[in-house]
Amino acid sequence: MDDLDPGMLLELVQQSMPYGKYQGRILADLPEPYLVWMNGQGFPEGKLGRQLALLYQIKLNGLEYLLEPLRKGNIPHIH
């Protein structure tokens, strides 16, 4: 992941999946097996693909706790 946009983490807990089996589900709530499958298939092009790849890495490495403050609206100020 090159040049992580800090706002991308916030988007993971706000944006919903636009299509497919999990359409309408918040990206951060996508099940890990789905992300593993999608990783094997290849993530889509563009911003959604970057978001899903980031979420895959977060879940793969057990870092979901990083998203919890954002879910609760505790948004740090980034300079």
PDB file of N, CA and C in Angstrom:
ATOM      1  N   MET A   1       0.842  -1.179   0.000  1.00  0.00           N
ATOM      2  CA  MET A   1       0.000   0.000   0.000  1.00  0.00           C
ATOM      3  C   MET A   1       0.880   1.233   0.000  1.00  0.00           C
ATOM      4  N   ASP A   2       0.876   1.940  -1.061  1.00  0.00           N
ATOM      5  CA  ASP A   2       1.665   3.156  -1.176  1.00  0.00           C
ATOM      6  C   ASP A   2       0.818   4.345  -0.727  1.00  0.00           C
ATOM      7  N   ASP A   3       1.459   5.271  -0.023  1.00  0.00           N
ATOM      8  CA  ASP A   3       0.826   6.544   0.319  1.00  0.00           C
ATOM      9  C   ASP A   3      -0.609   6.381   0.822  1.00  0.00           C
ATOM     10  N   LEU A   4      -0.756   5.833   2.012  1.00  0.00           N
ATOM     11  CA  LEU A   4      -2.069   5.635   2.609  1.00  0.00           C
ATOM     12  C   LEU A   4      -2.706   6.979   2.926  1.00  0.00           C
ATOM     13  N   ASP A   5      -3.898   7.184   2.415  1.00  0.00           N
ATOM     14  CA  ASP A   5      -4.683   8.375   2.716  1.00  0.00           C
ATOM     15  C   ASP A   5      -5.360   8.131   4.066  1.00  0.00           C
ATOM     16  N   PRO A   6      -5.071   8.950   5.084  1.00  0.00           N
ATOM     17  CA  PRO A   6      -5.658   8.717   6.400  1.00  0.00           C
ATOM     18  C   PRO A   6      -7.186   8.662   6.376  1.00  0.00           C
ATOM     19  N   GLY A   7      -7.800   9.387   5.460  1.00  0.00           N
ATOM     20  CA  GLY A   7      -9.252   9.371   5.360  1.00  0.00           C
ATOM     21  C   GLY A   7      -9.800   8.034   4.901  1.00  0.00           C
ATOM     22  N   MET A   8      -8.939   7.205   4.311  1.00  0.00           N
ATOM     23  CA  MET A   8      -9.393   5.914   3.818  1.00  0.00           C
ATOM     24  C   MET A   8      -9.852   5.008   4.963  1.00  0.00           C
ATOM     25  N   LEU A   9      -9.203   5.102   6.119  1.00  0.00           N
ATOM     26  CA  LEU A   9      -9.637   4.304   7.274  1.00  0.00           C
ATOM     27  C   LEU A   9     -11.048   4.698   7.693  1.00  0.00           C
ATOM     28  N   LEU A  10     -11.311   5.990   7.718  1.00  0.00           N
ATOM     29  CA  LEU A  10     -12.646   6.471   8.075  1.00  0.00           C
ATOM     30  C   LEU A  10     -13.676   5.985   7.071  1.00  0.00           C
ATOM     31  N   GLU A  11     -13.323   6.000   5.800  1.00  0.00           N
ATOM     32  CA  GLU A  11     -14.253   5.530   4.765  1.00  0.00           C
ATOM     33  C   GLU A  11     -14.601   4.056   4.942  1.00  0.00           C
ATOM     34  N   LEU A  12     -13.677   3.262   5.488  1.00  0.00           N
ATOM     35  CA  LEU A  12     -13.961   1.836   5.683  1.00  0.00           C
ATOM     36  C   LEU A  12     -15.117   1.603   6.646  1.00  0.00           C
ATOM     37  N   VAL A  13     -15.338   2.529   7.573  1.00  0.00           N
ATOM     38  CA  VAL A  13     -16.431   2.367   8.537  1.00  0.00           C
ATOM     39  C   VAL A  13     -17.668   3.171   8.158  1.00  0.00           C
ATOM     40  N   GLN A  14     -17.600   3.904   7.025  1.00  0.00           N
ATOM     41  CA  GLN A  14     -18.740   4.710   6.601  1.00  0.00           C
ATOM     42  C   GLN A  14     -19.327   4.270   5.269  1.00  0.00           C
ATOM     43  N   GLN A  15     -18.496   3.794   4.385  1.00  0.00           N
ATOM     44  CA  GLN A  15     -18.939   3.457   3.027  1.00  0.00           C
ATOM     45  C   GLN A  15     -19.474   2.033   2.971  1.00  0.00           C
ATOM     46  N   SER A  16     -20.506   1.834   2.164  1.00  0.00           N
ATOM     47  CA  SER A  16     -21.063   0.492   2.012  1.00  0.00           C
ATOM     48  C   SER A  16     -20.624  -0.127   0.689  1.00  0.00           C
ATOM     49  N   MET A  17     -20.654  -1.441   0.663  1.00  0.00           N
ATOM     50  CA  MET A  17     -20.294  -2.196  -0.537  1.00  0.00           C
ATOM     51  C   MET A  17     -21.328  -1.887  -1.614  1.00  0.00           C
ATOM     52  N   PRO A  18     -20.889  -1.452  -2.794  1.00  0.00           N
ATOM     53  CA  PRO A  18     -21.832  -1.004  -3.811  1.00  0.00           C
ATOM     54  C   PRO A  18     -22.495  -2.116  -4.629  1.00  0.00           C
ATOM     55  N   TYR A  19     -22.006  -3.346  -4.544  1.00  0.00           N
ATOM     56  CA  TYR A  19     -22.571  -4.408  -5.388  1.00  0.00           C
ATOM     57  C   TYR A  19     -22.279  -5.783  -4.786  1.00  0.00           C
ATOM     58  N   GLY A  20     -22.880  -6.789  -5.384  1.00  0.00           N
ATOM     59  CA  GLY A  20     -22.577  -8.169  -5.031  1.00  0.00           C
ATOM     60  C   GLY A  20     -23.354  -8.693  -3.835  1.00  0.00           C
ATOM     61  N   LYS A  21     -22.909  -9.833  -3.368  1.00  0.00           N
ATOM     62  CA  LYS A  21     -23.554 -10.545  -2.262  1.00  0.00           C
ATOM     63  C   LYS A  21     -23.696  -9.675  -1.019  1.00  0.00           C
ATOM     64  N   TYR A  22     -22.716  -8.807  -0.787  1.00  0.00           N
ATOM     65  CA  TYR A  22     -22.718  -7.980   0.423  1.00  0.00           C
ATOM     66  C   TYR A  22     -23.076  -6.524   0.131  1.00  0.00           C
ATOM     67  N   GLN A  23     -23.802  -6.290  -0.939  1.00  0.00           N
ATOM     68  CA  GLN A  23     -24.232  -4.930  -1.287  1.00  0.00           C
ATOM     69  C   GLN A  23     -24.954  -4.297  -0.114  1.00  0.00           C
ATOM     70  N   GLY A  24     -24.576  -3.062   0.210  1.00  0.00           N
ATOM     71  CA  GLY A  24     -25.205  -2.322   1.299  1.00  0.00           C
ATOM     72  C   GLY A  24     -24.527  -2.511   2.642  1.00  0.00           C
ATOM     73  N   ARG A  25     -23.646  -3.494   2.768  1.00  0.00           N
ATOM     74  CA  ARG A  25     -22.952  -3.723   4.036  1.00  0.00           C
ATOM     75  C   ARG A  25     -21.755  -2.776   4.123  1.00  0.00           C
ATOM     76  N   ILE A  26     -21.529  -2.224   5.321  1.00  0.00           N
ATOM     77  CA  ILE A  26     -20.375  -1.356   5.546  1.00  0.00           C
ATOM     78  C   ILE A  26     -19.108  -2.145   5.231  1.00  0.00           C
ATOM     79  N   LEU A  27     -18.168  -1.524   4.526  1.00  0.00           N
ATOM     80  CA  LEU A  27     -16.959  -2.225   4.104  1.00  0.00           C
ATOM     81  C   LEU A  27     -16.260  -2.907   5.274  1.00  0.00           C
ATOM     82  N   ALA A  28     -16.120  -2.221   6.403  1.00  0.00           N
ATOM     83  CA  ALA A  28     -15.418  -2.794   7.554  1.00  0.00           C
ATOM     84  C   ALA A  28     -16.122  -4.031   8.097  1.00  0.00           C
ATOM     85  N   ASP A  29     -17.382  -4.225   7.745  1.00  0.00           N
ATOM     86  CA  ASP A  29     -18.151  -5.371   8.230  1.00  0.00           C
ATOM     87  C   ASP A  29     -18.141  -6.547   7.264  1.00  0.00           C
ATOM     88  N   LEU A  30     -17.424  -6.418   6.158  1.00  0.00           N
ATOM     89  CA  LEU A  30     -17.329  -7.542   5.222  1.00  0.00           C
ATOM     90  C   LEU A  30     -16.590  -8.685   5.897  1.00  0.00           C
ATOM     91  N   PRO A  31     -17.061  -9.912   5.731  1.00  0.00           N
ATOM     92  CA  PRO A  31     -16.394 -11.041   6.393  1.00  0.00           C
ATOM     93  C   PRO A  31     -15.013 -11.321   5.792  1.00  0.00           C
ATOM     94  N   GLU A  32     -14.106 -11.729   6.651  1.00  0.00           N
ATOM     95  CA  GLU A  32     -12.737 -12.005   6.211  1.00  0.00           C
ATOM     96  C   GLU A  32     -12.678 -13.062   5.105  1.00  0.00           C
ATOM     97  N   PRO A  33     -13.471 -14.152   5.173  1.00  0.00           N
ATOM     98  CA  PRO A  33     -13.406 -15.131   4.075  1.00  0.00           C
ATOM     99  C   PRO A  33     -13.745 -14.525   2.709  1.00  0.00           C
ATOM    100  N   TYR A  34     -14.642 -13.552   2.677  1.00  0.00           N
ATOM    101  CA  TYR A  34     -14.970 -12.874   1.421  1.00  0.00           C
ATOM    102  C   TYR A  34     -13.764 -12.082   0.912  1.00  0.00           C
ATOM    103  N   LEU A  35     -13.080 -11.403   1.819  1.00  0.00           N
ATOM    104  CA  LEU A  35     -11.910 -10.625   1.421  1.00  0.00           C
ATOM    105  C   LEU A  35     -10.775 -11.535   0.962  1.00  0.00           C
ATOM    106  N   VAL A  36     -10.627 -12.689   1.607  1.00  0.00           N
ATOM    107  CA  VAL A  36      -9.616 -13.664   1.184  1.00  0.00           C
ATOM    108  C   VAL A  36      -9.951 -14.153  -0.225  1.00  0.00           C
ATOM    109  N   TRP A  37     -11.224 -14.459  -0.457  1.00  0.00           N
ATOM    110  CA  TRP A  37     -11.654 -14.893  -1.782  1.00  0.00           C
ATOM    111  C   TRP A  37     -11.385 -13.806  -2.821  1.00  0.00           C
ATOM    112  N   MET A  38     -11.763 -12.574  -2.469  1.00  0.00           N
ATOM    113  CA  MET A  38     -11.586 -11.476  -3.409  1.00  0.00           C
ATOM    114  C   MET A  38     -10.105 -11.238  -3.688  1.00  0.00           C
ATOM    115  N   ASN A  39      -9.267 -11.397  -2.682  1.00  0.00           N
ATOM    116  CA  ASN A  39      -7.824 -11.264  -2.887  1.00  0.00           C
ATOM    117  C   ASN A  39      -7.342 -12.286  -3.921  1.00  0.00           C
ATOM    118  N   GLY A  40      -7.863 -13.490  -3.842  1.00  0.00           N
ATOM    119  CA  GLY A  40      -7.496 -14.523  -4.803  1.00  0.00           C
ATOM    120  C   GLY A  40      -7.993 -14.232  -6.209  1.00  0.00           C
ATOM    121  N   GLN A  41      -9.138 -13.578  -6.309  1.00  0.00           N
ATOM    122  CA  GLN A  41      -9.716 -13.234  -7.606  1.00  0.00           C
ATOM    123  C   GLN A  41      -9.078 -11.980  -8.199  1.00  0.00           C
ATOM    124  N   GLY A  42      -8.582 -11.144  -7.306  1.00  0.00           N
ATOM    125  CA  GLY A  42      -8.056  -9.841  -7.707  1.00  0.00           C
ATOM    126  C   GLY A  42      -9.050  -8.763  -7.335  1.00  0.00           C
ATOM    127  N   PHE A  43      -8.600  -7.787  -6.587  1.00  0.00           N
ATOM    128  CA  PHE A  43      -9.470  -6.690  -6.181  1.00  0.00           C
ATOM    129  C   PHE A  43      -9.830  -5.850  -7.402  1.00  0.00           C
ATOM    130  N   PRO A  44     -10.999  -5.215  -7.376  1.00  0.00           N
ATOM    131  CA  PRO A  44     -11.386  -4.376  -8.509  1.00  0.00           C
ATOM    132  C   PRO A  44     -10.444  -3.183  -8.661  1.00  0.00           C
ATOM    133  N   GLU A  45     -10.480  -2.589  -9.820  1.00  0.00           N
ATOM    134  CA  GLU A  45      -9.675  -1.399 -10.096  1.00  0.00           C
ATOM    135  C   GLU A  45     -10.205  -0.213  -9.295  1.00  0.00           C
ATOM    136  N   GLY A  46      -9.371   0.766  -9.114  1.00  0.00           N
ATOM    137  CA  GLY A  46      -9.798   2.040  -8.556  1.00  0.00           C
ATOM    138  C   GLY A  46      -9.857   2.080  -7.039  1.00  0.00           C
ATOM    139  N   LYS A  47     -10.563   3.083  -6.564  1.00  0.00           N
ATOM    140  CA  LYS A  47     -10.619   3.367  -5.134  1.00  0.00           C
ATOM    141  C   LYS A  47     -11.200   2.204  -4.337  1.00  0.00           C
ATOM    142  N   LEU A  48     -12.278   1.607  -4.811  1.00  0.00           N
ATOM    143  CA  LEU A  48     -12.881   0.493  -4.083  1.00  0.00           C
ATOM    144  C   LEU A  48     -11.882  -0.647  -3.927  1.00  0.00           C
ATOM    145  N   GLY A  49     -11.147  -0.944  -4.963  1.00  0.00           N
ATOM    146  CA  GLY A  49     -10.143  -1.998  -4.885  1.00  0.00           C
ATOM    147  C   GLY A  49      -9.070  -1.687  -3.857  1.00  0.00           C
ATOM    148  N   ARG A  50      -8.645  -0.432  -3.803  1.00  0.00           N
ATOM    149  CA  ARG A  50      -7.641  -0.035  -2.804  1.00  0.00           C
ATOM    150  C   ARG A  50      -8.213  -0.147  -1.396  1.00  0.00           C
ATOM    151  N   GLN A  51      -9.475   0.239  -1.237  1.00  0.00           N
ATOM    152  CA  GLN A  51     -10.111   0.133   0.077  1.00  0.00           C
ATOM    153  C   GLN A  51     -10.214  -1.326   0.517  1.00  0.00           C
ATOM    154  N   LEU A  52     -10.646  -2.186  -0.393  1.00  0.00           N
ATOM    155  CA  LEU A  52     -10.800  -3.604  -0.046  1.00  0.00           C
ATOM    156  C   LEU A  52      -9.450  -4.256   0.230  1.00  0.00           C
ATOM    157  N   ALA A  53      -8.410  -3.869  -0.519  1.00  0.00           N
ATOM    158  CA  ALA A  53      -7.074  -4.403  -0.272  1.00  0.00           C
ATOM    159  C   ALA A  53      -6.573  -3.964   1.103  1.00  0.00           C
ATOM    160  N   LEU A  54      -6.830  -2.717   1.474  1.00  0.00           N
ATOM    161  CA  LEU A  54      -6.448  -2.225   2.793  1.00  0.00           C
ATOM    162  C   LEU A  54      -7.201  -2.993   3.873  1.00  0.00           C
ATOM    163  N   LEU A  55      -8.499  -3.151   3.694  1.00  0.00           N
ATOM    164  CA  LEU A  55      -9.301  -3.878   4.674  1.00  0.00           C
ATOM    165  C   LEU A  55      -8.836  -5.323   4.794  1.00  0.00           C
ATOM    166  N   TYR A  56      -8.473  -5.946   3.696  1.00  0.00           N
ATOM    167  CA  TYR A  56      -7.935  -7.304   3.710  1.00  0.00           C
ATOM    168  C   TYR A  56      -6.688  -7.359   4.584  1.00  0.00           C
ATOM    169  N   GLN A  57      -5.786  -6.413   4.405  1.00  0.00           N
ATOM    170  CA  GLN A  57      -4.562  -6.390   5.206  1.00  0.00           C
ATOM    171  C   GLN A  57      -4.861  -6.143   6.685  1.00  0.00           C
ATOM    172  N   ILE A  58      -5.809  -5.273   6.966  1.00  0.00           N
ATOM    173  CA  ILE A  58      -6.194  -4.993   8.350  1.00  0.00           C
ATOM    174  C   ILE A  58      -6.715  -6.259   9.013  1.00  0.00           C
ATOM    175  N   LYS A  59      -7.628  -6.942   8.343  1.00  0.00           N
ATOM    176  CA  LYS A  59      -8.221  -8.147   8.931  1.00  0.00           C
ATOM    177  C   LYS A  59      -7.220  -9.288   8.989  1.00  0.00           C
ATOM    178  N   LEU A  60      -6.416  -9.449   7.966  1.00  0.00           N
ATOM    179  CA  LEU A  60      -5.417 -10.515   7.918  1.00  0.00           C
ATOM    180  C   LEU A  60      -4.430 -10.400   9.079  1.00  0.00           C
ATOM    181  N   ASN A  61      -4.111  -9.170   9.449  1.00  0.00           N
ATOM    182  CA  ASN A  61      -3.125  -8.924  10.501  1.00  0.00           C
ATOM    183  C   ASN A  61      -3.739  -8.643  11.870  1.00  0.00           C
ATOM    184  N   GLY A  62      -5.057  -8.846  12.003  1.00  0.00           N
ATOM    185  CA  GLY A  62      -5.714  -8.670  13.293  1.00  0.00           C
ATOM    186  C   GLY A  62      -5.733  -7.239  13.786  1.00  0.00           C
ATOM    187  N   LEU A  63      -5.864  -6.295  12.890  1.00  0.00           N
ATOM    188  CA  LEU A  63      -5.810  -4.877  13.257  1.00  0.00           C
ATOM    189  C   LEU A  63      -7.172  -4.195  13.255  1.00  0.00           C
ATOM    190  N   GLU A  64      -8.242  -4.980  13.315  1.00  0.00           N
ATOM    191  CA  GLU A  64      -9.583  -4.389  13.279  1.00  0.00           C
ATOM    192  C   GLU A  64      -9.800  -3.377  14.396  1.00  0.00           C
ATOM    193  N   TYR A  65      -9.085  -3.551  15.500  1.00  0.00           N
ATOM    194  CA  TYR A  65      -9.235  -2.630  16.629  1.00  0.00           C
ATOM    195  C   TYR A  65      -8.918  -1.187  16.230  1.00  0.00           C
ATOM    196  N   LEU A  66      -8.133  -1.005  15.187  1.00  0.00           N
ATOM    197  CA  LEU A  66      -7.819   0.346  14.725  1.00  0.00           C
ATOM    198  C   LEU A  66      -9.060   1.073  14.193  1.00  0.00           C
ATOM    199  N   LEU A  67     -10.038   0.312  13.756  1.00  0.00           N
ATOM    200  CA  LEU A  67     -11.250   0.910  13.191  1.00  0.00           C
ATOM    201  C   LEU A  67     -12.295   1.238  14.250  1.00  0.00           C
ATOM    202  N   GLU A  68     -12.187   0.626  15.430  1.00  0.00           N
ATOM    203  CA  GLU A  68     -13.218   0.809  16.460  1.00  0.00           C
ATOM    204  C   GLU A  68     -13.423   2.264  16.879  1.00  0.00           C
ATOM    205  N   PRO A  69     -12.373   3.035  17.142  1.00  0.00           N
ATOM    206  CA  PRO A  69     -12.620   4.445  17.507  1.00  0.00           C
ATOM    207  C   PRO A  69     -13.340   5.207  16.397  1.00  0.00           C
ATOM    208  N   LEU A  70     -13.054   4.863  15.154  1.00  0.00           N
ATOM    209  CA  LEU A  70     -13.697   5.534  14.029  1.00  0.00           C
ATOM    210  C   LEU A  70     -15.170   5.160  13.943  1.00  0.00           C
ATOM    211  N   ARG A  71     -15.491   3.919  14.274  1.00  0.00           N
ATOM    212  CA  ARG A  71     -16.895   3.489  14.288  1.00  0.00           C
ATOM    213  C   ARG A  71     -17.695   4.285  15.309  1.00  0.00           C
ATOM    214  N   LYS A  72     -17.041   4.646  16.397  1.00  0.00           N
ATOM    215  CA  LYS A  72     -17.712   5.353  17.489  1.00  0.00           C
ATOM    216  C   LYS A  72     -17.688   6.861  17.307  1.00  0.00           C
ATOM    217  N   GLY A  73     -17.138   7.316  16.181  1.00  0.00           N
ATOM    218  CA  GLY A  73     -17.118   8.751  15.905  1.00  0.00           C
ATOM    219  C   GLY A  73     -15.953   9.488  16.520  1.00  0.00           C
ATOM    220  N   ASN A  74     -15.000   8.762  17.100  1.00  0.00           N
ATOM    221  CA  ASN A  74     -13.808   9.393  17.664  1.00  0.00           C
ATOM    222  C   ASN A  74     -12.782   9.548  16.564  1.00  0.00           C
ATOM    223  N   ILE A  75     -12.882  10.643  15.870  1.00  0.00           N
ATOM    224  CA  ILE A  75     -12.039  10.884  14.709  1.00  0.00           C
ATOM    225  C   ILE A  75     -10.868  11.772  15.108  1.00  0.00           C
ATOM    226  N   PRO A  76      -9.644  11.237  15.024  1.00  0.00           N
ATOM    227  CA  PRO A  76      -8.484  12.058  15.380  1.00  0.00           C
ATOM    228  C   PRO A  76      -8.250  13.152  14.349  1.00  0.00           C
ATOM    229  N   HIS A  77      -7.717  14.240  14.802  1.00  0.00           N
ATOM    230  CA  HIS A  77      -7.358  15.332  13.883  1.00  0.00           C
ATOM    231  C   HIS A  77      -6.019  15.008  13.268  1.00  0.00           C
ATOM    232  N   ILE A  78      -5.976  15.029  11.943  1.00  0.00           N
ATOM    233  CA  ILE A  78      -4.759  14.709  11.216  1.00  0.00           C
ATOM    234  C   ILE A  78      -4.217  15.982  10.586  1.00  0.00           C
ATOM    235  N   HIS A  79      -2.989  16.272  10.868  1.00  0.00           N
ATOM    236  CA  HIS A  79      -2.383  17.511  10.348  1.00  0.00           C
ATOM    237  C   HIS A  79      -1.638  17.243   9.083  1.00  0.00           C
TER     238      HIS A  79
END
